[in-house]
N, C-alpha and C. Protein backbone atom coordinates (compact mmCIF):
# COMPACT_ATOMS: atom_id res chain seq x y z
N UNK A 1 6.62 9.16 -27.53
CA UNK A 1 5.34 8.65 -27.09
C UNK A 1 4.41 9.82 -26.80
N UNK A 2 3.17 9.72 -27.23
CA UNK A 2 2.23 10.82 -27.01
C UNK A 2 1.66 10.77 -25.59
N UNK A 3 1.07 11.89 -25.17
CA UNK A 3 0.46 11.96 -23.84
C UNK A 3 -0.70 10.98 -23.72
N UNK A 4 -1.46 10.77 -24.79
CA UNK A 4 -2.59 9.84 -24.74
C UNK A 4 -2.07 8.43 -24.47
N UNK A 5 -1.00 8.03 -25.13
CA UNK A 5 -0.44 6.70 -24.88
C UNK A 5 0.01 6.59 -23.44
N UNK A 6 0.67 7.62 -22.90
CA UNK A 6 1.10 7.60 -21.51
C UNK A 6 -0.08 7.50 -20.55
N UNK A 7 -1.18 8.16 -20.88
CA UNK A 7 -2.36 8.13 -20.02
C UNK A 7 -3.03 6.76 -20.01
N UNK A 8 -2.74 5.94 -21.02
CA UNK A 8 -3.37 4.63 -21.12
C UNK A 8 -2.49 3.49 -20.62
N UNK A 9 -1.34 3.83 -20.06
CA UNK A 9 -0.38 2.81 -19.64
C UNK A 9 0.17 3.16 -18.26
N UNK A 10 0.25 2.16 -17.40
CA UNK A 10 0.86 2.32 -16.08
C UNK A 10 1.95 1.27 -15.93
N UNK A 11 3.11 1.69 -15.48
CA UNK A 11 4.22 0.77 -15.26
C UNK A 11 4.59 0.81 -13.79
N UNK A 12 4.72 -0.35 -13.17
CA UNK A 12 5.01 -0.44 -11.75
C UNK A 12 6.14 -1.44 -11.53
N UNK A 13 7.12 -1.07 -10.73
CA UNK A 13 8.12 -2.02 -10.27
C UNK A 13 7.52 -2.69 -9.03
N UNK A 14 7.18 -3.95 -9.13
CA UNK A 14 6.43 -4.65 -8.10
C UNK A 14 7.09 -4.55 -6.73
N UNK A 15 8.38 -4.71 -6.67
CA UNK A 15 9.07 -4.69 -5.38
C UNK A 15 9.05 -3.30 -4.73
N UNK A 16 8.69 -2.27 -5.49
CA UNK A 16 8.59 -0.92 -4.94
C UNK A 16 7.19 -0.62 -4.37
N UNK A 17 6.24 -1.51 -4.61
CA UNK A 17 4.89 -1.35 -4.08
C UNK A 17 4.91 -1.78 -2.61
N UNK A 18 4.38 -0.94 -1.74
CA UNK A 18 4.41 -1.23 -0.31
C UNK A 18 3.64 -2.51 0.01
N UNK A 19 4.29 -3.45 0.70
CA UNK A 19 3.58 -4.66 1.11
C UNK A 19 2.71 -4.38 2.33
N UNK A 20 1.56 -5.03 2.37
CA UNK A 20 0.64 -4.89 3.50
C UNK A 20 0.38 -6.28 4.06
N UNK A 21 0.56 -6.44 5.35
CA UNK A 21 0.33 -7.74 5.97
C UNK A 21 -1.17 -8.01 6.08
N UNK A 22 -1.62 -9.10 5.48
CA UNK A 22 -3.02 -9.51 5.55
C UNK A 22 -3.25 -10.17 6.91
N UNK A 23 -2.42 -11.14 7.23
CA UNK A 23 -2.32 -11.80 8.53
C UNK A 23 -0.85 -12.17 8.67
N UNK A 24 -0.39 -12.54 9.85
CA UNK A 24 1.02 -12.93 9.97
C UNK A 24 1.39 -14.01 8.95
N UNK A 25 2.42 -13.73 8.16
CA UNK A 25 2.90 -14.67 7.16
C UNK A 25 2.32 -14.51 5.78
N UNK A 26 1.34 -13.63 5.61
CA UNK A 26 0.76 -13.38 4.28
C UNK A 26 0.83 -11.89 4.00
N UNK A 27 1.51 -11.54 2.91
CA UNK A 27 1.71 -10.14 2.54
C UNK A 27 1.17 -9.91 1.14
N UNK A 28 0.41 -8.82 0.97
CA UNK A 28 -0.16 -8.47 -0.34
C UNK A 28 0.36 -7.13 -0.81
N UNK A 29 0.65 -7.06 -2.10
CA UNK A 29 0.97 -5.79 -2.75
C UNK A 29 -0.16 -5.53 -3.75
N UNK A 30 -0.85 -4.42 -3.59
CA UNK A 30 -1.91 -4.06 -4.53
C UNK A 30 -1.26 -3.33 -5.71
N UNK A 31 -1.42 -3.89 -6.88
CA UNK A 31 -0.80 -3.32 -8.08
C UNK A 31 -1.77 -2.37 -8.77
N UNK A 32 -1.31 -1.76 -9.82
CA UNK A 32 -2.12 -0.78 -10.55
C UNK A 32 -3.47 -1.38 -10.93
N UNK A 33 -4.50 -0.55 -10.83
CA UNK A 33 -5.86 -0.98 -11.14
C UNK A 33 -6.51 -0.01 -12.12
N UNK A 34 -7.54 -0.51 -12.79
CA UNK A 34 -8.37 0.32 -13.66
C UNK A 34 -9.82 0.04 -13.28
N UNK A 35 -10.74 0.62 -14.01
CA UNK A 35 -12.15 0.33 -13.75
C UNK A 35 -12.52 -1.08 -14.20
N UNK A 36 -11.63 -1.75 -14.93
CA UNK A 36 -11.90 -3.07 -15.48
C UNK A 36 -11.28 -4.22 -14.69
N UNK A 37 -10.13 -3.96 -14.06
CA UNK A 37 -9.41 -5.03 -13.35
C UNK A 37 -8.44 -4.43 -12.34
N UNK A 38 -8.07 -5.27 -11.37
CA UNK A 38 -7.03 -4.86 -10.43
C UNK A 38 -6.05 -6.01 -10.28
N UNK A 39 -4.81 -5.65 -10.08
CA UNK A 39 -3.76 -6.65 -9.94
C UNK A 39 -3.22 -6.69 -8.52
N UNK A 40 -2.62 -7.81 -8.17
CA UNK A 40 -2.05 -7.97 -6.84
C UNK A 40 -0.99 -9.06 -6.86
N UNK A 41 -0.11 -8.97 -5.91
CA UNK A 41 0.94 -9.98 -5.71
C UNK A 41 0.85 -10.39 -4.25
N UNK A 42 0.78 -11.68 -3.99
CA UNK A 42 0.69 -12.16 -2.62
C UNK A 42 1.83 -13.12 -2.34
N UNK A 43 2.48 -12.91 -1.20
CA UNK A 43 3.51 -13.81 -0.70
C UNK A 43 2.97 -14.53 0.52
N UNK A 44 2.98 -15.85 0.46
CA UNK A 44 2.56 -16.70 1.57
C UNK A 44 3.80 -17.33 2.20
N UNK A 45 3.95 -17.21 3.50
CA UNK A 45 5.01 -17.93 4.21
C UNK A 45 4.59 -19.39 4.31
N UNK A 46 5.55 -20.27 4.51
CA UNK A 46 5.26 -21.69 4.68
C UNK A 46 4.26 -21.89 5.82
N UNK A 47 3.28 -22.77 5.58
CA UNK A 47 2.32 -23.11 6.62
C UNK A 47 1.21 -22.11 6.84
N UNK A 48 0.97 -21.21 5.89
CA UNK A 48 -0.09 -20.21 6.07
C UNK A 48 -1.33 -20.55 5.24
N UNK A 49 -2.45 -19.94 5.65
CA UNK A 49 -3.72 -20.11 4.95
C UNK A 49 -4.43 -18.76 4.91
N UNK A 50 -5.09 -18.48 3.78
CA UNK A 50 -5.85 -17.24 3.66
C UNK A 50 -6.82 -17.17 4.84
N UNK A 51 -7.01 -15.99 5.44
CA UNK A 51 -7.75 -15.91 6.70
C UNK A 51 -9.24 -16.27 6.64
N UNK A 52 -9.85 -16.22 5.47
CA UNK A 52 -11.27 -16.59 5.36
C UNK A 52 -11.52 -17.15 3.97
N UNK A 53 -12.69 -17.72 3.78
CA UNK A 53 -13.07 -18.20 2.45
C UNK A 53 -13.25 -16.98 1.55
N UNK A 54 -12.61 -17.01 0.40
CA UNK A 54 -12.66 -15.91 -0.56
C UNK A 54 -13.79 -16.21 -1.55
N UNK A 55 -14.83 -15.36 -1.54
CA UNK A 55 -15.99 -15.53 -2.42
C UNK A 55 -15.88 -14.50 -3.53
N UNK A 56 -16.09 -14.95 -4.76
CA UNK A 56 -15.86 -14.08 -5.92
C UNK A 56 -17.15 -13.57 -6.56
N UNK A 57 -17.34 -12.27 -6.50
CA UNK A 57 -18.46 -11.65 -7.21
C UNK A 57 -18.14 -11.55 -8.70
N UNK A 58 -16.83 -11.48 -9.01
CA UNK A 58 -16.39 -11.41 -10.40
C UNK A 58 -15.26 -12.42 -10.58
N UNK A 59 -14.75 -12.49 -11.78
CA UNK A 59 -13.69 -13.46 -12.08
C UNK A 59 -12.37 -13.09 -11.41
N UNK A 60 -11.66 -14.10 -10.94
CA UNK A 60 -10.32 -13.90 -10.37
C UNK A 60 -9.39 -14.93 -11.00
N UNK A 61 -8.17 -14.49 -11.26
CA UNK A 61 -7.16 -15.36 -11.86
C UNK A 61 -5.86 -15.17 -11.11
N UNK A 62 -5.07 -16.23 -10.99
CA UNK A 62 -3.72 -16.06 -10.47
C UNK A 62 -2.75 -17.03 -11.12
N UNK A 63 -1.49 -16.64 -11.08
CA UNK A 63 -0.40 -17.41 -11.65
C UNK A 63 0.59 -17.68 -10.52
N UNK A 64 0.94 -18.93 -10.33
CA UNK A 64 1.88 -19.30 -9.26
C UNK A 64 3.30 -19.05 -9.77
N UNK A 65 3.96 -18.07 -9.15
CA UNK A 65 5.33 -17.73 -9.54
C UNK A 65 6.34 -18.66 -8.88
N UNK A 66 6.10 -18.99 -7.61
CA UNK A 66 7.02 -19.88 -6.89
C UNK A 66 6.27 -20.57 -5.77
N UNK A 67 6.83 -21.67 -5.30
CA UNK A 67 6.23 -22.42 -4.21
C UNK A 67 5.05 -23.24 -4.68
N UNK A 68 4.14 -23.52 -3.75
CA UNK A 68 2.98 -24.34 -4.06
C UNK A 68 1.76 -23.82 -3.30
N UNK A 69 0.65 -23.67 -4.03
CA UNK A 69 -0.62 -23.25 -3.44
C UNK A 69 -1.54 -24.47 -3.43
N UNK A 70 -2.21 -24.67 -2.30
CA UNK A 70 -3.13 -25.80 -2.17
C UNK A 70 -4.55 -25.23 -2.12
N UNK A 71 -5.38 -25.74 -3.03
CA UNK A 71 -6.80 -25.36 -3.11
C UNK A 71 -7.61 -26.63 -2.91
N UNK A 72 -8.17 -26.83 -1.72
CA UNK A 72 -8.87 -28.08 -1.43
C UNK A 72 -7.86 -29.22 -1.45
N UNK A 73 -8.03 -30.17 -2.36
CA UNK A 73 -7.11 -31.29 -2.49
C UNK A 73 -6.11 -31.10 -3.64
N UNK A 74 -6.26 -30.00 -4.39
CA UNK A 74 -5.39 -29.75 -5.54
C UNK A 74 -4.16 -28.94 -5.15
N UNK A 75 -3.03 -29.31 -5.72
CA UNK A 75 -1.77 -28.60 -5.47
C UNK A 75 -1.33 -27.94 -6.77
N UNK A 76 -1.02 -26.65 -6.68
CA UNK A 76 -0.64 -25.87 -7.85
C UNK A 76 0.77 -25.33 -7.65
N UNK A 77 1.70 -25.80 -8.47
CA UNK A 77 3.08 -25.38 -8.37
C UNK A 77 3.42 -24.28 -9.34
N UNK A 78 4.70 -23.90 -9.39
CA UNK A 78 5.15 -22.82 -10.27
C UNK A 78 4.72 -23.07 -11.72
N UNK A 79 4.24 -22.01 -12.35
CA UNK A 79 3.80 -22.10 -13.73
C UNK A 79 2.33 -22.42 -13.89
N UNK A 80 1.62 -22.64 -12.78
CA UNK A 80 0.19 -22.96 -12.85
C UNK A 80 -0.63 -21.68 -12.91
N UNK A 81 -1.60 -21.67 -13.80
CA UNK A 81 -2.52 -20.54 -13.97
C UNK A 81 -3.90 -21.02 -13.54
N UNK A 82 -4.51 -20.35 -12.57
CA UNK A 82 -5.77 -20.76 -11.98
C UNK A 82 -6.81 -19.67 -12.24
N UNK A 83 -8.00 -20.06 -12.71
CA UNK A 83 -9.08 -19.10 -12.98
C UNK A 83 -10.32 -19.51 -12.18
N UNK A 84 -10.86 -18.55 -11.43
CA UNK A 84 -12.09 -18.76 -10.68
C UNK A 84 -13.21 -17.95 -11.33
N UNK A 85 -14.33 -18.59 -11.63
CA UNK A 85 -15.48 -17.92 -12.23
C UNK A 85 -16.24 -17.12 -11.18
N UNK A 86 -17.03 -16.14 -11.61
CA UNK A 86 -17.89 -15.44 -10.66
C UNK A 86 -18.76 -16.45 -9.90
N UNK A 87 -18.91 -16.22 -8.60
CA UNK A 87 -19.69 -17.12 -7.77
C UNK A 87 -18.87 -18.23 -7.13
N UNK A 88 -17.62 -18.36 -7.53
CA UNK A 88 -16.76 -19.40 -6.94
C UNK A 88 -16.24 -18.97 -5.58
N UNK A 89 -15.70 -19.94 -4.84
CA UNK A 89 -15.14 -19.66 -3.53
C UNK A 89 -13.95 -20.59 -3.30
N UNK A 90 -12.99 -20.08 -2.54
CA UNK A 90 -11.81 -20.89 -2.23
C UNK A 90 -11.10 -20.31 -1.01
N UNK A 91 -10.18 -21.08 -0.47
CA UNK A 91 -9.38 -20.64 0.67
C UNK A 91 -7.97 -21.22 0.49
N UNK A 92 -7.11 -20.49 -0.21
CA UNK A 92 -5.78 -21.03 -0.51
C UNK A 92 -4.92 -21.16 0.74
N UNK A 93 -4.05 -22.17 0.69
CA UNK A 93 -3.08 -22.37 1.75
C UNK A 93 -1.80 -22.90 1.13
N UNK A 94 -0.76 -22.99 1.93
CA UNK A 94 0.50 -23.52 1.45
C UNK A 94 1.26 -24.19 2.58
N UNK A 95 1.98 -25.22 2.24
CA UNK A 95 2.87 -25.86 3.20
C UNK A 95 4.29 -25.36 3.01
N UNK A 96 4.64 -25.03 1.78
CA UNK A 96 6.02 -24.67 1.42
C UNK A 96 6.29 -23.18 1.35
N UNK A 97 5.21 -22.38 1.28
CA UNK A 97 5.34 -20.96 0.94
C UNK A 97 5.03 -20.81 -0.53
N UNK A 98 4.62 -19.62 -0.94
CA UNK A 98 4.27 -19.40 -2.34
C UNK A 98 4.23 -17.91 -2.64
N UNK A 99 4.41 -17.59 -3.91
CA UNK A 99 4.21 -16.23 -4.42
C UNK A 99 3.30 -16.35 -5.62
N UNK A 100 2.18 -15.58 -5.59
CA UNK A 100 1.23 -15.61 -6.70
C UNK A 100 0.97 -14.19 -7.20
N UNK A 101 0.79 -14.11 -8.51
CA UNK A 101 0.46 -12.84 -9.17
C UNK A 101 -0.96 -12.98 -9.69
N UNK A 102 -1.85 -12.08 -9.27
CA UNK A 102 -3.25 -12.25 -9.61
C UNK A 102 -3.90 -11.03 -10.23
N UNK A 103 -5.04 -11.31 -10.83
CA UNK A 103 -5.87 -10.27 -11.44
C UNK A 103 -7.31 -10.54 -11.06
N UNK A 104 -8.00 -9.53 -10.58
CA UNK A 104 -9.43 -9.61 -10.36
C UNK A 104 -10.08 -8.81 -11.47
N UNK A 105 -10.92 -9.49 -12.26
CA UNK A 105 -11.65 -8.84 -13.34
C UNK A 105 -12.91 -8.27 -12.73
N UNK A 106 -13.08 -6.96 -12.83
CA UNK A 106 -14.21 -6.29 -12.17
C UNK A 106 -15.46 -6.37 -13.04
N UNK A 107 -16.58 -6.62 -12.40
CA UNK A 107 -17.85 -6.70 -13.13
C UNK A 107 -18.15 -5.36 -13.77
N UNK A 108 -18.59 -5.38 -15.00
CA UNK A 108 -18.79 -4.15 -15.74
C UNK A 108 -20.17 -3.68 -15.83
């Protein structure tokens, strides 16, 4: 593999990324980012809710790996892919606990 290819690729073992507590019961791992997007993994304990309404200046997407995420009246279980357009807002919560893998697409 050439150095240019290596410079264009980042590989991360997610479990090796230091978790940071957002609030009690919610932990985020910030994954590799570029000028175009940033990735993250969030673990929600059962009965938790994101601490504030999340307002999106740019597009955000997440994939539910396990558990169930509740957005308003909608419930998203494992295998669900959710996309929020710029200008959208939400406040995810869970009754069961959940793990989500997300990407924030940065405005260019």
